[in-house]
Amino acid sequence: LLAIERGAPLLILNLEPTPLDDRADVVLRAPAGHALPRLLARLPAL
């Protein structure tokens, strides 16, 4: 909430709903160990 108030976008990666889902810019229901490597693979290589 503090980050949102300062203008930062909010992303939520969690298997279950949270109280801030409706405030988030993106919500992803997935296990972190599977989703984060896929997210990393979408970023430009160094």
ModelCIF file with pLDDT and N, C-alpha, C, O atoms, coordinates in Angstrom:
data_MODEL
#
_entry.id   MODEL 
#
_entity.id                         1 
_entity.type                       polymer 
_entity.pdbx_number_of_molecules   1 
#
_entity_poly.entity_id                      1 
_entity_poly.type                           'polypeptide(L)' 
_entity_poly.nstd_linkage                   no 
_entity_poly.nstd_monomer                   no 
_entity_poly.pdbx_seq_one_letter_code       LLAIERGAPLLILNLEPTPLDDRADVVLRAPAGHALPRLLARLPAL 
_entity_poly.pdbx_seq_one_letter_code_can   LLAIERGAPLLILNLEPTPLDDRADVVLRAPAGHALPRLLARLPAL 
_entity_poly.pdbx_strand_id                 A 
#
loop_
_entity_poly_seq.entity_id 
_entity_poly_seq.num 
_entity_poly_seq.mon_id 
_entity_poly_seq.hetero 
1 1  LEU n 
1 2  LEU n 
1 3  ALA n 
1 4  ILE n 
1 5  GLU n 
1 6  ARG n 
1 7  GLY n 
1 8  ALA n 
1 9  PRO n 
1 10 LEU n 
1 11 LEU n 
1 12 ILE n 
1 13 LEU n 
1 14 ASN n 
1 15 LEU n 
1 16 GLU n 
1 17 PRO n 
1 18 THR n 
1 19 PRO n 
1 20 LEU n 
1 21 ASP n 
1 22 ASP n 
1 23 ARG n 
1 24 ALA n 
1 25 ASP n 
1 26 VAL n 
1 27 VAL n 
1 28 LEU n 
1 29 ARG n 
1 30 ALA n 
1 31 PRO n 
1 32 ALA n 
1 33 GLY n 
1 34 HIS n 
1 35 ALA n 
1 36 LEU n 
1 37 PRO n 
1 38 ARG n 
1 39 LEU n 
1 40 LEU n 
1 41 ALA n 
1 42 ARG n 
1 43 LEU n 
1 44 PRO n 
1 45 ALA n 
1 46 LEU n 
#
_struct_asym.id          A 
_struct_asym.entity_id   1 
#
loop_
_ma_qa_metric.id 
_ma_qa_metric.mode 
_ma_qa_metric.name 
_ma_qa_metric.software_group_id 
_ma_qa_metric.type 
1 global pLDDT . pLDDT 
2 local  pLDDT . pLDDT 
#
_ma_qa_metric_global.metric_id      1 
_ma_qa_metric_global.metric_value   94.98 
_ma_qa_metric_global.model_id       1 
_ma_qa_metric_global.ordinal_id     1 
#
loop_
_ma_qa_metric_local.label_asym_id 
_ma_qa_metric_local.label_comp_id 
_ma_qa_metric_local.label_seq_id 
_ma_qa_metric_local.metric_id 
_ma_qa_metric_local.metric_value 
_ma_qa_metric_local.model_id 
_ma_qa_metric_local.ordinal_id 
A LEU 1  2 98.00 1 1  
A LEU 2  2 97.00 1 2  
A ALA 3  2 98.00 1 3  
A ILE 4  2 97.00 1 4  
A GLU 5  2 96.00 1 5  
A ARG 6  2 95.00 1 6  
A GLY 7  2 96.00 1 7  
A ALA 8  2 98.00 1 8  
A PRO 9  2 98.00 1 9  
A LEU 10 2 98.00 1 10 
A LEU 11 2 98.00 1 11 
A ILE 12 2 98.00 1 12 
A LEU 13 2 98.00 1 13 
A ASN 14 2 96.00 1 14 
A LEU 15 2 93.00 1 15 
A GLU 16 2 93.00 1 16 
A PRO 17 2 96.00 1 17 
A THR 18 2 97.00 1 18 
A PRO 19 2 97.00 1 19 
A LEU 20 2 98.00 1 20 
A ASP 21 2 97.00 1 21 
A ASP 22 2 97.00 1 22 
A ARG 23 2 97.00 1 23 
A ALA 24 2 98.00 1 24 
A ASP 25 2 98.00 1 25 
A VAL 26 2 98.00 1 26 
A VAL 27 2 97.00 1 27 
A LEU 28 2 97.00 1 28 
A ARG 29 2 95.00 1 29 
A ALA 30 2 95.00 1 30 
A PRO 31 2 95.00 1 31 
A ALA 32 2 96.00 1 32 
A GLY 33 2 95.00 1 33 
A HIS 34 2 94.00 1 34 
A ALA 35 2 96.00 1 35 
A LEU 36 2 97.00 1 36 
A PRO 37 2 96.00 1 37 
A ARG 38 2 95.00 1 38 
A LEU 39 2 96.00 1 39 
A LEU 40 2 95.00 1 40 
A ALA 41 2 95.00 1 41 
A ARG 42 2 94.00 1 42 
A LEU 43 2 93.00 1 43 
A PRO 44 2 87.00 1 44 
A ALA 45 2 76.00 1 45 
A LEU 46 2 65.00 1 46 
#
loop_
_atom_site.group_PDB 
_atom_site.id 
_atom_site.type_symbol 
_atom_site.label_atom_id 
_atom_site.label_alt_id 
_atom_site.label_comp_id 
_atom_site.label_asym_id 
_atom_site.label_entity_id 
_atom_site.label_seq_id 
_atom_site.pdbx_PDB_ins_code 
_atom_site.Cartn_x 
_atom_site.Cartn_y 
_atom_site.Cartn_z 
_atom_site.occupancy 
_atom_site.B_iso_or_equiv 
_atom_site.pdbx_formal_charge 
_atom_site.auth_seq_id 
_atom_site.auth_comp_id 
_atom_site.auth_asym_id 
_atom_site.auth_atom_id 
_atom_site.pdbx_PDB_model_num 
ATOM 1   N N  . LEU A 1 1  ? 0.828  -1.209  0.000   1.00 98.00 ? 1  LEU A N  1 
ATOM 2   C CA . LEU A 1 1  ? 0.000  0.000   0.000   1.00 98.00 ? 1  LEU A CA 1 
ATOM 3   C C  . LEU A 1 1  ? 0.856  1.249   0.000   1.00 98.00 ? 1  LEU A C  1 
ATOM 4   O O  . LEU A 1 1  ? 0.536  2.230   -0.672  1.00 98.00 ? 1  LEU A O  1 
ATOM 5   N N  . LEU A 1 2  ? 1.937  1.214   0.749   1.00 97.00 ? 2  LEU A N  1 
ATOM 6   C CA . LEU A 1 2  ? 2.847  2.355   0.793   1.00 97.00 ? 2  LEU A CA 1 
ATOM 7   C C  . LEU A 1 2  ? 3.470  2.580   -0.577  1.00 97.00 ? 2  LEU A C  1 
ATOM 8   O O  . LEU A 1 2  ? 3.610  3.722   -1.015  1.00 97.00 ? 2  LEU A O  1 
ATOM 9   N N  . ALA A 1 3  ? 3.843  1.507   -1.250  1.00 98.00 ? 3  ALA A N  1 
ATOM 10  C CA . ALA A 1 3  ? 4.416  1.623   -2.592  1.00 98.00 ? 3  ALA A CA 1 
ATOM 11  C C  . ALA A 1 3  ? 3.404  2.200   -3.575  1.00 98.00 ? 3  ALA A C  1 
ATOM 12  O O  . ALA A 1 3  ? 3.743  3.053   -4.395  1.00 98.00 ? 3  ALA A O  1 
ATOM 13  N N  . ILE A 1 4  ? 2.148  1.726   -3.489  1.00 97.00 ? 4  ILE A N  1 
ATOM 14  C CA . ILE A 1 4  ? 1.096  2.231   -4.373  1.00 97.00 ? 4  ILE A CA 1 
ATOM 15  C C  . ILE A 1 4  ? 0.891  3.722   -4.157  1.00 97.00 ? 4  ILE A C  1 
ATOM 16  O O  . ILE A 1 4  ? 0.752  4.484   -5.115  1.00 97.00 ? 4  ILE A O  1 
ATOM 17  N N  . GLU A 1 5  ? 0.871  4.136   -2.886  1.00 96.00 ? 5  GLU A N  1 
ATOM 18  C CA . GLU A 1 5  ? 0.663  5.549   -2.572  1.00 96.00 ? 5  GLU A CA 1 
ATOM 19  C C  . GLU A 1 5  ? 1.758  6.429   -3.158  1.00 96.00 ? 5  GLU A C  1 
ATOM 20  O O  . GLU A 1 5  ? 1.524  7.599   -3.463  1.00 96.00 ? 5  GLU A O  1 
ATOM 21  N N  . ARG A 1 6  ? 2.964  5.863   -3.318  1.00 95.00 ? 6  ARG A N  1 
ATOM 22  C CA . ARG A 1 6  ? 4.075  6.611   -3.911  1.00 95.00 ? 6  ARG A CA 1 
ATOM 23  C C  . ARG A 1 6  ? 4.118  6.479   -5.432  1.00 95.00 ? 6  ARG A C  1 
ATOM 24  O O  . ARG A 1 6  ? 5.040  6.977   -6.077  1.00 95.00 ? 6  ARG A O  1 
ATOM 25  N N  . GLY A 1 7  ? 3.109  5.802   -6.006  1.00 96.00 ? 7  GLY A N  1 
ATOM 26  C CA . GLY A 1 7  ? 3.006  5.731   -7.459  1.00 96.00 ? 7  GLY A CA 1 
ATOM 27  C C  . GLY A 1 7  ? 3.624  4.519   -8.114  1.00 96.00 ? 7  GLY A C  1 
ATOM 28  O O  . GLY A 1 7  ? 3.689  4.462   -9.342  1.00 96.00 ? 7  GLY A O  1 
ATOM 29  N N  . ALA A 1 8  ? 4.081  3.542   -7.342  1.00 98.00 ? 8  ALA A N  1 
ATOM 30  C CA . ALA A 1 8  ? 4.701  2.345   -7.911  1.00 98.00 ? 8  ALA A CA 1 
ATOM 31  C C  . ALA A 1 8  ? 3.633  1.331   -8.309  1.00 98.00 ? 8  ALA A C  1 
ATOM 32  O O  . ALA A 1 8  ? 2.684  1.121   -7.552  1.00 98.00 ? 8  ALA A O  1 
ATOM 33  N N  . PRO A 1 9  ? 3.760  0.695   -9.477  1.00 98.00 ? 9  PRO A N  1 
ATOM 34  C CA . PRO A 1 9  ? 2.843  -0.388  -9.841  1.00 98.00 ? 9  PRO A CA 1 
ATOM 35  C C  . PRO A 1 9  ? 3.007  -1.568  -8.885  1.00 98.00 ? 9  PRO A C  1 
ATOM 36  O O  . PRO A 1 9  ? 4.065  -1.754  -8.284  1.00 98.00 ? 9  PRO A O  1 
ATOM 37  N N  . LEU A 1 10 ? 1.939  -2.366  -8.753  1.00 98.00 ? 10 LEU A N  1 
ATOM 38  C CA . LEU A 1 10 ? 1.951  -3.522  -7.865  1.00 98.00 ? 10 LEU A CA 1 
ATOM 39  C C  . LEU A 1 10 ? 1.673  -4.788  -8.669  1.00 98.00 ? 10 LEU A C  1 
ATOM 40  O O  . LEU A 1 10 ? 0.696  -4.855  -9.416  1.00 98.00 ? 10 LEU A O  1 
ATOM 41  N N  . LEU A 1 11 ? 2.541  -5.797  -8.513  1.00 98.00 ? 11 LEU A N  1 
ATOM 42  C CA . LEU A 1 11 ? 2.365  -7.109  -9.121  1.00 98.00 ? 11 LEU A CA 1 
ATOM 43  C C  . LEU A 1 11 ? 2.216  -8.129  -7.999  1.00 98.00 ? 11 LEU A C  1 
ATOM 44  O O  . LEU A 1 11 ? 2.929  -8.051  -6.999  1.00 98.00 ? 11 LEU A O  1 
ATOM 45  N N  . ILE A 1 12 ? 1.296  -9.089  -8.149  1.00 98.00 ? 12 ILE A N  1 
ATOM 46  C CA . ILE A 1 12 ? 1.080  -10.112 -7.129  1.00 98.00 ? 12 ILE A CA 1 
ATOM 47  C C  . ILE A 1 12 ? 1.155  -11.495 -7.764  1.00 98.00 ? 12 ILE A C  1 
ATOM 48  O O  . ILE A 1 12 ? 0.413  -11.808 -8.695  1.00 98.00 ? 12 ILE A O  1 
ATOM 49  N N  . LEU A 1 13 ? 2.055  -12.308 -7.248  1.00 98.00 ? 13 LEU A N  1 
ATOM 50  C CA . LEU A 1 13 ? 2.210  -13.707 -7.655  1.00 98.00 ? 13 LEU A CA 1 
ATOM 51  C C  . LEU A 1 13 ? 1.921  -14.563 -6.432  1.00 98.00 ? 13 LEU A C  1 
ATOM 52  O O  . LEU A 1 13 ? 2.751  -14.669 -5.529  1.00 98.00 ? 13 LEU A O  1 
ATOM 53  N N  . ASN A 1 14 ? 0.738  -15.173 -6.409  1.00 96.00 ? 14 ASN A N  1 
ATOM 54  C CA . ASN A 1 14 ? 0.328  -15.941 -5.240  1.00 96.00 ? 14 ASN A CA 1 
ATOM 55  C C  . ASN A 1 14 ? -0.725 -16.962 -5.653  1.00 96.00 ? 14 ASN A C  1 
ATOM 56  O O  . ASN A 1 14 ? -1.546 -16.688 -6.528  1.00 96.00 ? 14 ASN A O  1 
ATOM 57  N N  . LEU A 1 15 ? -0.706 -18.122 -5.038  1.00 93.00 ? 15 LEU A N  1 
ATOM 58  C CA . LEU A 1 15 ? -1.658 -19.166 -5.413  1.00 93.00 ? 15 LEU A CA 1 
ATOM 59  C C  . LEU A 1 15 ? -3.088 -18.844 -4.994  1.00 93.00 ? 15 LEU A C  1 
ATOM 60  O O  . LEU A 1 15 ? -4.041 -19.268 -5.648  1.00 93.00 ? 15 LEU A O  1 
ATOM 61  N N  . GLU A 1 16 ? -3.237 -18.090 -3.899  1.00 93.00 ? 16 GLU A N  1 
ATOM 62  C CA . GLU A 1 16 ? -4.564 -17.777 -3.374  1.00 93.00 ? 16 GLU A CA 1 
ATOM 63  C C  . GLU A 1 16 ? -4.846 -16.280 -3.495  1.00 93.00 ? 16 GLU A C  1 
ATOM 64  O O  . GLU A 1 16 ? -3.912 -15.485 -3.602  1.00 93.00 ? 16 GLU A O  1 
ATOM 65  N N  . PRO A 1 17 ? -6.128 -15.883 -3.480  1.00 96.00 ? 17 PRO A N  1 
ATOM 66  C CA . PRO A 1 17 ? -6.465 -14.457 -3.514  1.00 96.00 ? 17 PRO A CA 1 
ATOM 67  C C  . PRO A 1 17 ? -5.900 -13.714 -2.314  1.00 96.00 ? 17 PRO A C  1 
ATOM 68  O O  . PRO A 1 17 ? -5.713 -14.300 -1.247  1.00 96.00 ? 17 PRO A O  1 
ATOM 69  N N  . THR A 1 18 ? -5.629 -12.429 -2.485  1.00 97.00 ? 18 THR A N  1 
ATOM 70  C CA . THR A 1 18 ? -5.170 -11.578 -1.391  1.00 97.00 ? 18 THR A CA 1 
ATOM 71  C C  . THR A 1 18 ? -6.081 -10.353 -1.301  1.00 97.00 ? 18 THR A C  1 
ATOM 72  O O  . THR A 1 18 ? -6.803 -10.056 -2.253  1.00 97.00 ? 18 THR A O  1 
ATOM 73  N N  . PRO A 1 19 ? -6.059 -9.642  -0.182  1.00 97.00 ? 19 PRO A N  1 
ATOM 74  C CA . PRO A 1 19 ? -6.901 -8.452  -0.039  1.00 97.00 ? 19 PRO A CA 1 
ATOM 75  C C  . PRO A 1 19 ? -6.540 -7.318  -0.994  1.00 97.00 ? 19 PRO A C  1 
ATOM 76  O O  . PRO A 1 19 ? -7.322 -6.382  -1.158  1.00 97.00 ? 19 PRO A O  1 
ATOM 77  N N  . LEU A 1 20 ? -5.364 -7.388  -1.628  1.00 98.00 ? 20 LEU A N  1 
ATOM 78  C CA . LEU A 1 20 ? -4.933 -6.294  -2.504  1.00 98.00 ? 20 LEU A CA 1 
ATOM 79  C C  . LEU A 1 20 ? -5.005 -6.650  -3.982  1.00 98.00 ? 20 LEU A C  1 
ATOM 80  O O  . LEU A 1 20 ? -4.495 -5.903  -4.817  1.00 98.00 ? 20 LEU A O  1 
ATOM 81  N N  . ASP A 1 21 ? -5.625 -7.767  -4.320  1.00 97.00 ? 21 ASP A N  1 
ATOM 82  C CA . ASP A 1 21 ? -5.711 -8.156  -5.731  1.00 97.00 ? 21 ASP A CA 1 
ATOM 83  C C  . ASP A 1 21 ? -6.349 -7.070  -6.587  1.00 97.00 ? 21 ASP A C  1 
ATOM 84  O O  . ASP A 1 21 ? -5.922 -6.836  -7.718  1.00 97.00 ? 21 ASP A O  1 
ATOM 85  N N  . ASP A 1 22 ? -7.369 -6.409  -6.051  1.00 97.00 ? 22 ASP A N  1 
ATOM 86  C CA . ASP A 1 22 ? -8.068 -5.402  -6.850  1.00 97.00 ? 22 ASP A CA 1 
ATOM 87  C C  . ASP A 1 22 ? -7.280 -4.105  -6.975  1.00 97.00 ? 22 ASP A C  1 
ATOM 88  O O  . ASP A 1 22 ? -7.656 -3.225  -7.749  1.00 97.00 ? 22 ASP A O  1 
ATOM 89  N N  . ARG A 1 23 ? -6.191 -3.978  -6.219  1.00 97.00 ? 23 ARG A N  1 
ATOM 90  C CA . ARG A 1 23 ? -5.327 -2.802  -6.327  1.00 97.00 ? 23 ARG A CA 1 
ATOM 91  C C  . ARG A 1 23 ? -4.099 -3.070  -7.196  1.00 97.00 ? 23 ARG A C  1 
ATOM 92  O O  . ARG A 1 23 ? -3.345 -2.152  -7.519  1.00 97.00 ? 23 ARG A O  1 
ATOM 93  N N  . ALA A 1 24 ? -3.907 -4.324  -7.567  1.00 98.00 ? 24 ALA A N  1 
ATOM 94  C CA . ALA A 1 24 ? -2.709 -4.717  -8.310  1.00 98.00 ? 24 ALA A CA 1 
ATOM 95  C C  . ALA A 1 24 ? -2.861 -4.448  -9.804  1.00 98.00 ? 24 ALA A C  1 
ATOM 96  O O  . ALA A 1 24 ? -3.963 -4.501  -10.349 1.00 98.00 ? 24 ALA A O  1 
ATOM 97  N N  . ASP A 1 25 ? -1.735 -4.158  -10.454 1.00 98.00 ? 25 ASP A N  1 
ATOM 98  C CA . ASP A 1 25 ? -1.719 -3.980  -11.899 1.00 98.00 ? 25 ASP A CA 1 
ATOM 99  C C  . ASP A 1 25 ? -1.754 -5.321  -12.624 1.00 98.00 ? 25 ASP A C  1 
ATOM 100 O O  . ASP A 1 25 ? -2.340 -5.434  -13.700 1.00 98.00 ? 25 ASP A O  1 
ATOM 101 N N  . VAL A 1 26 ? -1.128 -6.337  -12.036 1.00 98.00 ? 26 VAL A N  1 
ATOM 102 C CA . VAL A 1 26 ? -1.155 -7.690  -12.589 1.00 98.00 ? 26 VAL A CA 1 
ATOM 103 C C  . VAL A 1 26 ? -1.228 -8.677  -11.431 1.00 98.00 ? 26 VAL A C  1 
ATOM 104 O O  . VAL A 1 26 ? -0.516 -8.528  -10.438 1.00 98.00 ? 26 VAL A O  1 
ATOM 105 N N  . VAL A 1 27 ? -2.091 -9.688  -11.559 1.00 97.00 ? 27 VAL A N  1 
ATOM 106 C CA . VAL A 1 27 ? -2.184 -10.770 -10.576 1.00 97.00 ? 27 VAL A CA 1 
ATOM 107 C C  . VAL A 1 27 ? -1.975 -12.088 -11.315 1.00 97.00 ? 27 VAL A C  1 
ATOM 108 O O  . VAL A 1 27 ? -2.581 -12.329 -12.358 1.00 97.00 ? 27 VAL A O  1 
ATOM 109 N N  . LEU A 1 28 ? -1.121 -12.925 -10.770 1.00 97.00 ? 28 LEU A N  1 
ATOM 110 C CA . LEU A 1 28 ? -0.835 -14.232 -11.373 1.00 97.00 ? 28 LEU A CA 1 
ATOM 111 C C  . LEU A 1 28 ? -0.997 -15.312 -10.327 1.00 97.00 ? 28 LEU A C  1 
ATOM 112 O O  . LEU A 1 28 ? -0.335 -15.281 -9.290  1.00 97.00 ? 28 LEU A O  1 
ATOM 113 N N  . ARG A 1 29 ? -1.886 -16.284 -10.595 1.00 95.00 ? 29 ARG A N  1 
ATOM 114 C CA . ARG A 1 29 ? -2.088 -17.430 -9.713  1.00 95.00 ? 29 ARG A CA 1 
ATOM 115 C C  . ARG A 1 29 ? -1.202 -18.574 -10.211 1.00 95.00 ? 29 ARG A C  1 
ATOM 116 O O  . ARG A 1 29 ? -1.585 -19.303 -11.126 1.00 95.00 ? 29 ARG A O  1 
ATOM 117 N N  . ALA A 1 30 ? -0.050 -18.729 -9.626  1.00 95.00 ? 30 ALA A N  1 
ATOM 118 C CA . ALA A 1 30 ? 0.876  -19.772 -10.065 1.00 95.00 ? 30 ALA A CA 1 
ATOM 119 C C  . ALA A 1 30 ? 1.913  -20.011 -8.986  1.00 95.00 ? 30 ALA A C  1 
ATOM 120 O O  . ALA A 1 30 ? 2.185  -19.118 -8.184  1.00 95.00 ? 30 ALA A O  1 
ATOM 121 N N  . PRO A 1 31 ? 2.500  -21.207 -8.950  1.00 95.00 ? 31 PRO A N  1 
ATOM 122 C CA . PRO A 1 31 ? 3.588  -21.467 -8.004  1.00 95.00 ? 31 PRO A CA 1 
ATOM 123 C C  . PRO A 1 31 ? 4.822  -20.663 -8.411  1.00 95.00 ? 31 PRO A C  1 
ATOM 124 O O  . PRO A 1 31 ? 5.196  -20.629 -9.583  1.00 95.00 ? 31 PRO A O  1 
ATOM 125 N N  . ALA A 1 32 ? 5.440  -20.028 -7.442  1.00 96.00 ? 32 ALA A N  1 
ATOM 126 C CA . ALA A 1 32 ? 6.556  -19.123 -7.723  1.00 96.00 ? 32 ALA A CA 1 
ATOM 127 C C  . ALA A 1 32 ? 7.719  -19.816 -8.407  1.00 96.00 ? 32 ALA A C  1 
ATOM 128 O O  . ALA A 1 32 ? 8.351  -19.243 -9.294  1.00 96.00 ? 32 ALA A O  1 
ATOM 129 N N  . GLY A 1 33 ? 8.007  -21.044 -8.002  1.00 95.00 ? 33 GLY A N  1 
ATOM 130 C CA . GLY A 1 33 ? 9.147  -21.749 -8.568  1.00 95.00 ? 33 GLY A CA 1 
ATOM 131 C C  . GLY A 1 33 ? 8.987  -22.089 -10.034 1.00 95.00 ? 33 GLY A C  1 
ATOM 132 O O  . GLY A 1 33 ? 9.977  -22.334 -10.724 1.00 95.00 ? 33 GLY A O  1 
ATOM 133 N N  . HIS A 1 34 ? 7.755  -22.109 -10.523 1.00 94.00 ? 34 HIS A N  1 
ATOM 134 C CA . HIS A 1 34 ? 7.490  -22.349 -11.936 1.00 94.00 ? 34 HIS A CA 1 
ATOM 135 C C  . HIS A 1 34 ? 7.380  -21.030 -12.699 1.00 94.00 ? 34 HIS A C  1 
ATOM 136 O O  . HIS A 1 34 ? 7.892  -20.910 -13.812 1.00 94.00 ? 34 HIS A O  1 
ATOM 137 N N  . ALA A 1 35 ? 6.715  -20.046 -12.103 1.00 96.00 ? 35 ALA A N  1 
ATOM 138 C CA . ALA A 1 35 ? 6.409  -18.808 -12.822 1.00 96.00 ? 35 ALA A CA 1 
ATOM 139 C C  . ALA A 1 35 ? 7.603  -17.861 -12.933 1.00 96.00 ? 35 ALA A C  1 
ATOM 140 O O  . ALA A 1 35 ? 7.808  -17.259 -13.987 1.00 96.00 ? 35 ALA A O  1 
ATOM 141 N N  . LEU A 1 36 ? 8.388  -17.716 -11.875 1.00 97.00 ? 36 LEU A N  1 
ATOM 142 C CA . LEU A 1 36 ? 9.472  -16.741 -11.917 1.00 97.00 ? 36 LEU A CA 1 
ATOM 143 C C  . LEU A 1 36 ? 10.533 -17.050 -12.970 1.00 97.00 ? 36 LEU A C  1 
ATOM 144 O O  . LEU A 1 36 ? 10.976 -16.125 -13.650 1.00 97.00 ? 36 LEU A O  1 
ATOM 145 N N  . PRO A 1 37 ? 10.965 -18.303 -13.141 1.00 96.00 ? 37 PRO A N  1 
ATOM 146 C CA . PRO A 1 37 ? 11.907 -18.571 -14.226 1.00 96.00 ? 37 PRO A CA 1 
ATOM 147 C C  . PRO A 1 37 ? 11.331 -18.213 -15.602 1.00 96.00 ? 37 PRO A C  1 
ATOM 148 O O  . PRO A 1 37 ? 12.062 -17.734 -16.469 1.00 96.00 ? 37 PRO A O  1 
ATOM 149 N N  . ARG A 1 38 ? 10.041 -18.439 -15.804 1.00 95.00 ? 38 ARG A N  1 
ATOM 150 C CA . ARG A 1 38 ? 9.412  -18.055 -17.069 1.00 95.00 ? 38 ARG A CA 1 
ATOM 151 C C  . ARG A 1 38 ? 9.385  -16.551 -17.233 1.00 95.00 ? 38 ARG A C  1 
ATOM 152 O O  . ARG A 1 38 ? 9.597  -16.030 -18.327 1.00 95.00 ? 38 ARG A O  1 
ATOM 153 N N  . LEU A 1 39 ? 9.122  -15.858 -16.138 1.00 96.00 ? 39 LEU A N  1 
ATOM 154 C CA . LEU A 1 39 ? 9.145  -14.405 -16.176 1.00 96.00 ? 39 LEU A CA 1 
ATOM 155 C C  . LEU A 1 39 ? 10.547 -13.901 -16.510 1.00 96.00 ? 39 LEU A C  1 
ATOM 156 O O  . LEU A 1 39 ? 10.710 -12.988 -17.318 1.00 96.00 ? 39 LEU A O  1 
ATOM 157 N N  . LEU A 1 40 ? 11.542 -14.495 -15.890 1.00 95.00 ? 40 LEU A N  1 
ATOM 158 C CA . LEU A 1 40 ? 12.927 -14.096 -16.147 1.00 95.00 ? 40 LEU A CA 1 
ATOM 159 C C  . LEU A 1 40 ? 13.296 -14.333 -17.610 1.00 95.00 ? 40 LEU A C  1 
ATOM 160 O O  . LEU A 1 40 ? 14.023 -13.538 -18.205 1.00 95.00 ? 40 LEU A O  1 
ATOM 161 N N  . ALA A 1 41 ? 12.798 -15.421 -18.184 1.00 95.00 ? 41 ALA A N  1 
ATOM 162 C CA . ALA A 1 41 ? 13.119 -15.748 -19.565 1.00 95.00 ? 41 ALA A CA 1 
ATOM 163 C C  . ALA A 1 41 ? 12.526 -14.740 -20.547 1.00 95.00 ? 41 ALA A C  1 
ATOM 164 O O  . ALA A 1 41 ? 12.997 -14.641 -21.680 1.00 95.00 ? 41 ALA A O  1 
ATOM 165 N N  . ARG A 1 42 ? 11.505 -13.991 -20.136 1.00 94.00 ? 42 ARG A N  1 
ATOM 166 C CA . ARG A 1 42 ? 10.888 -12.984 -20.999 1.00 94.00 ? 42 ARG A CA 1 
ATOM 167 C C  . ARG A 1 42 ? 11.694 -11.689 -21.038 1.00 94.00 ? 42 ARG A C  1 
ATOM 168 O O  . ARG A 1 42 ? 11.458 -10.842 -21.901 1.00 94.00 ? 42 ARG A O  1 
ATOM 169 N N  . LEU A 1 43 ? 12.634 -11.526 -20.122 1.00 93.00 ? 43 LEU A N  1 
ATOM 170 C CA . LEU A 1 43 ? 13.409 -10.295 -20.067 1.00 93.00 ? 43 LEU A CA 1 
ATOM 171 C C  . LEU A 1 43 ? 14.573 -10.349 -21.050 1.00 93.00 ? 43 LEU A C  1 
ATOM 172 O O  . LEU A 1 43 ? 15.088 -11.427 -21.346 1.00 93.00 ? 43 LEU A O  1 
ATOM 173 N N  . PRO A 1 44 ? 14.991 -9.183  -21.558 1.00 87.00 ? 44 PRO A N  1 
ATOM 174 C CA . PRO A 1 44 ? 16.133 -9.165  -22.476 1.00 87.00 ? 44 PRO A CA 1 
ATOM 175 C C  . PRO A 1 44 ? 17.375 -9.737  -21.809 1.00 87.00 ? 44 PRO A C  1 
ATOM 176 O O  . PRO A 1 44 ? 17.608 -9.495  -20.625 1.00 87.00 ? 44 PRO A O  1 
ATOM 177 N N  . ALA A 1 45 ? 18.167 -10.485 -22.547 1.00 76.00 ? 45 ALA A N  1 
ATOM 178 C CA . ALA A 1 45 ? 19.394 -11.046 -22.026 1.00 76.00 ? 45 ALA A CA 1 
ATOM 179 C C  . ALA A 1 45 ? 20.412 -9.948  -21.767 1.00 76.00 ? 45 ALA A C  1 
ATOM 180 O O  . ALA A 1 45 ? 20.418 -8.920  -22.443 1.00 76.00 ? 45 ALA A O  1 
ATOM 181 N N  . LEU A 1 46 ? 21.271 -10.176 -20.782 1.00 65.00 ? 46 LEU A N  1 
ATOM 182 C CA . LEU A 1 46 ? 22.319 -9.197  -20.491 1.00 65.00 ? 46 LEU A CA 1 
ATOM 183 C C  . LEU A 1 46 ? 23.357 -9.180  -21.609 1.00 65.00 ? 46 LEU A C  1 
ATOM 184 O O  . LEU A 1 46 ? 24.321 -8.417  -21.545 1.00 65.00 ? 46 LEU A O  1 
#
